[in-house]
C-alpha atoms as a PDB file:
ATOM      1  CA  UNK A   1      -5.265  64.795  96.361  1.00  0.00           C
ATOM      2  CA  UNK A   2      -5.384  65.138  92.588  1.00  0.00           C
ATOM      3  CA  UNK A   3      -3.274  63.132  90.363  1.00  0.00           C
ATOM      4  CA  UNK A   4      -2.343  63.890  86.954  1.00  0.00           C
ATOM      5  CA  UNK A   5       0.472  63.635  84.168  1.00  0.00           C
ATOM      6  CA  UNK A   6       1.691  66.234  82.176  1.00  0.00           C
ATOM      7  CA  UNK A   7       4.850  67.399  80.088  1.00  0.00           C
ATOM      8  CA  UNK A   8       7.772  69.007  82.125  1.00  0.00           C
ATOM      9  CA  UNK A   9       8.285  72.780  81.619  1.00  0.00           C
ATOM     10  CA  UNK A  10      11.488  74.395  80.570  1.00  0.00           C
ATOM     11  CA  UNK A  11      12.186  75.828  83.839  1.00  0.00           C
ATOM     12  CA  UNK A  12      11.719  72.597  85.795  1.00  0.00           C
ATOM     13  CA  UNK A  13      15.093  71.123  84.958  1.00  0.00           C
ATOM     14  CA  UNK A  14      16.850  71.503  88.375  1.00  0.00           C
ATOM     15  CA  UNK A  15      13.789  70.387  90.616  1.00  0.00           C
ATOM     16  CA  UNK A  16      13.363  67.546  88.234  1.00  0.00           C
ATOM     17  CA  UNK A  17      16.915  66.489  88.383  1.00  0.00           C
ATOM     18  CA  UNK A  18      16.642  66.681  92.272  1.00  0.00           C
ATOM     19  CA  UNK A  19      13.635  64.832  92.294  1.00  0.00           C
ATOM     20  CA  UNK A  20      15.553  61.875  90.263  1.00  0.00           C
ATOM     21  CA  UNK A  21      18.585  62.226  92.280  1.00  0.00           C
ATOM     22  CA  UNK A  22      17.458  62.859  95.798  1.00  0.00           C
ATOM     23  CA  UNK A  23      16.068  59.527  96.771  1.00  0.00           C
ATOM     24  CA  UNK A  24      17.697  56.532  95.005  1.00  0.00           C
ATOM     25  CA  UNK A  25      15.604  53.982  96.447  1.00  0.00           C
ATOM     26  CA  UNK A  26      13.233  54.062  93.392  1.00  0.00           C
ATOM     27  CA  UNK A  27      16.136  52.383  91.193  1.00  0.00           C
ATOM     28  CA  UNK A  28      16.148  49.453  93.787  1.00  0.00           C
ATOM     29  CA  UNK A  29      12.788  48.560  92.303  1.00  0.00           C
ATOM     30  CA  UNK A  30      12.810  49.824  88.673  1.00  0.00           C
ATOM     31  CA  UNK A  31      14.900  46.727  87.076  1.00  0.00           C
ATOM     32  CA  UNK A  32      17.710  46.986  89.491  1.00  0.00           C
ATOM     33  CA  UNK A  33      19.670  44.096  87.464  1.00  0.00           C
ATOM     34  CA  UNK A  34      20.187  46.550  84.643  1.00  0.00           C
ATOM     35  CA  UNK A  35      22.994  49.030  85.116  1.00  0.00           C
ATOM     36  CA  UNK A  36      21.966  52.261  86.546  1.00  0.00           C
ATOM     37  CA  UNK A  37      24.184  55.548  87.184  1.00  0.00           C
ATOM     38  CA  UNK A  38      22.912  58.751  88.716  1.00  0.00           C
ATOM     39  CA  UNK A  39      22.829  61.217  85.841  1.00  0.00           C
ATOM     40  CA  UNK A  40      24.675  64.562  86.105  1.00  0.00           C
ATOM     41  CA  UNK A  41      22.454  67.543  85.462  1.00  0.00           C
ATOM     42  CA  UNK A  42      23.762  67.629  81.983  1.00  0.00           C
ATOM     43  CA  UNK A  43      23.187  63.964  81.190  1.00  0.00           C
ATOM     44  CA  UNK A  44      19.893  64.505  82.635  1.00  0.00           C
ATOM     45  CA  UNK A  45      19.023  67.685  80.581  1.00  0.00           C
ATOM     46  CA  UNK A  46      20.170  65.932  77.301  1.00  0.00           C
ATOM     47  CA  UNK A  47      18.052  62.660  77.671  1.00  0.00           C
ATOM     48  CA  UNK A  48      15.180  62.143  80.488  1.00  0.00           C
ATOM     49  CA  UNK A  49      14.439  66.045  80.643  1.00  0.00           C
ATOM     50  CA  UNK A  50      14.028  66.632  76.907  1.00  0.00           C
ATOM     51  CA  UNK A  51      11.793  63.489  76.825  1.00  0.00           C
ATOM     52  CA  UNK A  52       9.917  64.700  79.655  1.00  0.00           C
ATOM     53  CA  UNK A  53       9.432  68.148  77.901  1.00  0.00           C
ATOM     54  CA  UNK A  54       8.495  66.653  74.548  1.00  0.00           C
ATOM     55  CA  UNK A  55       5.675  64.652  76.265  1.00  0.00           C
ATOM     56  CA  UNK A  56       5.674  61.907  73.564  1.00  0.00           C
ATOM     57  CA  UNK A  57       7.069  58.997  75.240  1.00  0.00           C
ATOM     58  CA  UNK A  58       7.395  60.332  78.702  1.00  0.00           C
ATOM     59  CA  UNK A  59       5.542  62.341  80.950  1.00  0.00           C
ATOM     60  CA  UNK A  60       5.482  63.645  84.527  1.00  0.00           C
ATOM     61  CA  UNK A  61       3.259  62.107  87.393  1.00  0.00           C
ATOM     62  CA  UNK A  62       2.082  65.070  89.398  1.00  0.00           C
ATOM     63  CA  UNK A  63       0.122  65.105  92.862  1.00  0.00           C
ATOM     64  CA  UNK A  64      -1.676  68.128  93.102  1.00  0.00           C
ATOM     65  CA  UNK A  65       0.579  69.463  90.194  1.00  0.00           C
ATOM     66  CA  UNK A  66       3.792  68.824  92.087  1.00  0.00           C
ATOM     67  CA  UNK A  67       6.037  66.079  90.090  1.00  0.00           C
ATOM     68  CA  UNK A  68       6.725  62.928  92.021  1.00  0.00           C
ATOM     69  CA  UNK A  69       7.352  60.540  89.256  1.00  0.00           C
ATOM     70  CA  UNK A  70       6.906  59.663  85.538  1.00  0.00           C
ATOM     71  CA  UNK A  71       4.988  57.508  83.164  1.00  0.00           C
ATOM     72  CA  UNK A  72       6.612  56.303  79.964  1.00  0.00           C
ATOM     73  CA  UNK A  73       6.304  53.703  76.878  1.00  0.00           C
ATOM     74  CA  UNK A  74       8.860  52.184  74.375  1.00  0.00           C
ATOM     75  CA  UNK A  75       8.493  50.012  71.788  1.00  0.00           C
ATOM     76  CA  UNK A  76       9.154  46.389  72.026  1.00  0.00           C
ATOM     77  CA  UNK A  77       8.599  46.050  68.600  1.00  0.00           C
ATOM     78  CA  UNK A  78       7.186  48.941  66.625  1.00  0.00           C
ATOM     79  CA  UNK A  79       6.762  47.207  63.194  1.00  0.00           C
ATOM     80  CA  UNK A  80       4.393  44.766  65.021  1.00  0.00           C
ATOM     81  CA  UNK A  81       2.832  47.413  67.151  1.00  0.00           C
ATOM     82  CA  UNK A  82       4.217  45.937  70.450  1.00  0.00           C
ATOM     83  CA  UNK A  83       4.342  48.836  73.091  1.00  0.00           C
ATOM     84  CA  UNK A  84       5.316  48.413  76.577  1.00  0.00           C
ATOM     85  CA  UNK A  85       4.642  51.201  79.391  1.00  0.00           C
ATOM     86  CA  UNK A  86       6.379  51.855  82.655  1.00  0.00           C
ATOM     87  CA  UNK A  87       5.413  53.943  85.607  1.00  0.00           C
ATOM     88  CA  UNK A  88       8.294  55.283  88.326  1.00  0.00           C
ATOM     89  CA  UNK A  89       7.540  57.293  91.548  1.00  0.00           C
ATOM     90  CA  UNK A  90      10.635  58.739  92.440  1.00  0.00           C
ATOM     91  CA  UNK A  91       9.807  60.130  95.696  1.00  0.00           C
ATOM     92  CA  UNK A  92       9.281  56.846  98.215  1.00  0.00           C
ATOM     93  CA  UNK A  93       7.152  59.212 100.649  1.00  0.00           C
ATOM     94  CA  UNK A  94       4.498  58.562  97.853  1.00  0.00           C
ATOM     95  CA  UNK A  95       4.517  54.723  97.631  1.00  0.00           C
ATOM     96  CA  UNK A  96       1.641  52.549  99.029  1.00  0.00           C
ATOM     97  CA  UNK A  97      -0.968  55.571  98.530  1.00  0.00           C
ATOM     98  CA  UNK A  98      -2.554  54.354  95.360  1.00  0.00           C
ATOM     99  CA  UNK A  99      -1.000  56.942  93.161  1.00  0.00           C
ATOM    100  CA  UNK A 100       0.142  54.601  90.440  1.00  0.00           C
ATOM    101  CA  UNK A 101      -2.993  53.042  90.086  1.00  0.00           C
ATOM    102  CA  UNK A 102      -4.775  56.188  89.620  1.00  0.00           C
ATOM    103  CA  UNK A 103      -2.263  57.402  86.944  1.00  0.00           C
ATOM    104  CA  UNK A 104      -1.784  54.111  85.011  1.00  0.00           C
ATOM    105  CA  UNK A 105      -5.247  54.523  83.770  1.00  0.00           C
ATOM    106  CA  UNK A 106      -4.533  58.018  82.537  1.00  0.00           C
ATOM    107  CA  UNK A 107      -1.646  56.745  80.433  1.00  0.00           C
ATOM    108  CA  UNK A 108      -3.471  53.778  79.106  1.00  0.00           C
ATOM    109  CA  UNK A 109      -6.046  56.187  77.886  1.00  0.00           C
ATOM    110  CA  UNK A 110      -3.383  58.213  76.142  1.00  0.00           C
ATOM    111  CA  UNK A 111      -1.651  55.571  74.651  1.00  0.00           C
ATOM    112  CA  UNK A 112      -4.908  53.879  73.197  1.00  0.00           C
ATOM    113  CA  UNK A 113      -5.725  57.429  72.125  1.00  0.00           C
ATOM    114  CA  UNK A 114      -2.886  58.370  70.267  1.00  0.00           C
ATOM    115  CA  UNK A 115      -1.638  54.891  68.697  1.00  0.00           C
ATOM    116  CA  UNK A 116      -3.360  52.089  66.857  1.00  0.00           C
ATOM    117  CA  UNK A 117      -2.473  49.422  68.809  1.00  0.00           C
ATOM    118  CA  UNK A 118      -4.421  46.197  70.192  1.00  0.00           C
ATOM    119  CA  UNK A 119      -2.361  45.840  73.487  1.00  0.00           C
ATOM    120  CA  UNK A 120      -0.740  47.728  75.935  1.00  0.00           C
ATOM    121  CA  UNK A 121       2.065  45.698  78.307  1.00  0.00           C
ATOM    122  CA  UNK A 122       3.857  46.371  81.218  1.00  0.00           C
ATOM    123  CA  UNK A 123       6.883  43.967  82.643  1.00  0.00           C
ATOM    124  CA  UNK A 124       7.992  44.122  86.275  1.00  0.00           C
ATOM    125  CA  UNK A 125       9.832  41.393  88.266  1.00  0.00           C
ATOM    126  CA  UNK A 126       8.700  39.482  91.314  1.00  0.00           C
ATOM    127  CA  UNK A 127      11.021  41.819  93.469  1.00  0.00           C
ATOM    128  CA  UNK A 128       8.630  44.614  93.084  1.00  0.00           C
ATOM    129  CA  UNK A 129       5.235  43.126  94.717  1.00  0.00           C
ATOM    130  CA  UNK A 130       3.766  46.742  94.623  1.00  0.00           C
ATOM    131  CA  UNK A 131       3.813  46.918  90.854  1.00  0.00           C
ATOM    132  CA  UNK A 132       2.337  43.495  90.409  1.00  0.00           C
ATOM    133  CA  UNK A 133      -0.382  44.507  92.579  1.00  0.00           C
ATOM    134  CA  UNK A 134      -0.863  47.771  90.638  1.00  0.00           C
ATOM    135  CA  UNK A 135      -0.978  46.225  87.612  1.00  0.00           C
ATOM    136  CA  UNK A 136      -3.607  43.759  88.603  1.00  0.00           C
ATOM    137  CA  UNK A 137      -5.755  46.273  90.307  1.00  0.00           C
ATOM    138  CA  UNK A 138      -6.070  48.616  87.125  1.00  0.00           C
ATOM    139  CA  UNK A 139      -7.119  45.438  85.034  1.00  0.00           C
ATOM    140  CA  UNK A 140      -3.990  44.474  83.394  1.00  0.00           C
ATOM    141  CA  UNK A 141      -3.820  40.614  83.109  1.00  0.00           C
ATOM    142  CA  UNK A 142      -0.770  38.632  84.078  1.00  0.00           C
ATOM    143  CA  UNK A 143       0.349  37.466  80.451  1.00  0.00           C
ATOM    144  CA  UNK A 144       3.583  35.903  81.377  1.00  0.00           C
ATOM    145  CA  UNK A 145       6.056  34.657  84.465  1.00  0.00           C
ATOM    146  CA  UNK A 146       9.380  34.067  83.162  1.00  0.00           C
ATOM    147  CA  UNK A 147      10.917  32.029  86.170  1.00  0.00           C
ATOM    148  CA  UNK A 148      14.143  32.737  87.618  1.00  0.00           C
ATOM    149  CA  UNK A 149      15.502  34.927  85.010  1.00  0.00           C
ATOM    150  CA  UNK A 150      16.471  37.966  86.958  1.00  0.00           C
ATOM    151  CA  UNK A 151      19.548  37.700  89.146  1.00  0.00           C
ATOM    152  CA  UNK A 152      19.739  40.599  91.641  1.00  0.00           C
ATOM    153  CA  UNK A 153      21.879  40.486  94.872  1.00  0.00           C
ATOM    154  CA  UNK A 154      22.350  36.892  95.052  1.00  0.00           C
ATOM    155  CA  UNK A 155      19.009  35.869  94.469  1.00  0.00           C
ATOM    156  CA  UNK A 156      16.814  34.765  91.490  1.00  0.00           C
ATOM    157  CA  UNK A 157      13.557  36.490  90.442  1.00  0.00           C
ATOM    158  CA  UNK A 158      10.694  36.015  87.905  1.00  0.00           C
ATOM    159  CA  UNK A 159      10.194  38.592  85.091  1.00  0.00           C
ATOM    160  CA  UNK A 160       6.462  39.221  85.204  1.00  0.00           C
ATOM    161  CA  UNK A 161       4.438  40.480  82.103  1.00  0.00           C
ATOM    162  CA  UNK A 162       1.046  42.012  82.370  1.00  0.00           C
ATOM    163  CA  UNK A 163      -1.091  43.550  79.139  1.00  0.00           C
ATOM    164  CA  UNK A 164      -4.546  44.718  78.480  1.00  0.00           C
ATOM    165  CA  UNK A 165      -6.326  44.652  75.063  1.00  0.00           C
ATOM    166  CA  UNK A 166      -7.800  47.540  73.916  1.00  0.00           C
ATOM    167  CA  UNK A 167     -11.332  45.893  73.747  1.00  0.00           C
ATOM    168  CA  UNK A 168     -10.886  44.866  77.343  1.00  0.00           C
ATOM    169  CA  UNK A 169      -9.989  48.229  78.693  1.00  0.00           C
ATOM    170  CA  UNK A 170     -12.967  49.871  76.865  1.00  0.00           C
ATOM    171  CA  UNK A 171     -15.288  47.199  78.417  1.00  0.00           C
ATOM    172  CA  UNK A 172     -13.484  48.196  82.046  1.00  0.00           C
ATOM    173  CA  UNK A 173     -14.215  51.672  81.421  1.00  0.00           C
ATOM    174  CA  UNK A 174     -17.897  50.993  80.705  1.00  0.00           C
ATOM    175  CA  UNK A 175     -18.557  49.000  83.852  1.00  0.00           C
END
């Protein structure tokens, strides 16, 4: 199994829209306490698909060159160079196969090579233990746990923040 990241191609609009909308289970783990509405193909084309095609802040996760998810980043505060990243595997048949832990290092390498930043962060929630394991597995350190700040389906969850410094990442790659 070959895991890679890449930009979307213009002829992938329909297949990528199907990928994002066919298995909505992913949205139950990707910050479900935020409002999410399944995009029409027009909405998808004008937002996420454009971002995937540019490849700047979002790229596809592929297994044997078949798209199954995406990696992304956003600026928590660009003025202070505080960058956060994310990963989503849309197709649940690929969950718990170690794919995110193979692709996150590729994305972290990319982010450190493109940006003059000291740290890359990843924020998840205690309702997504798989992402918490993945973050630790690739070498991110838990830096903060904001207790009971995510209320979802009648239950409180923690927001969990992970990060890795450039020098820590470089050291991990040497070992």
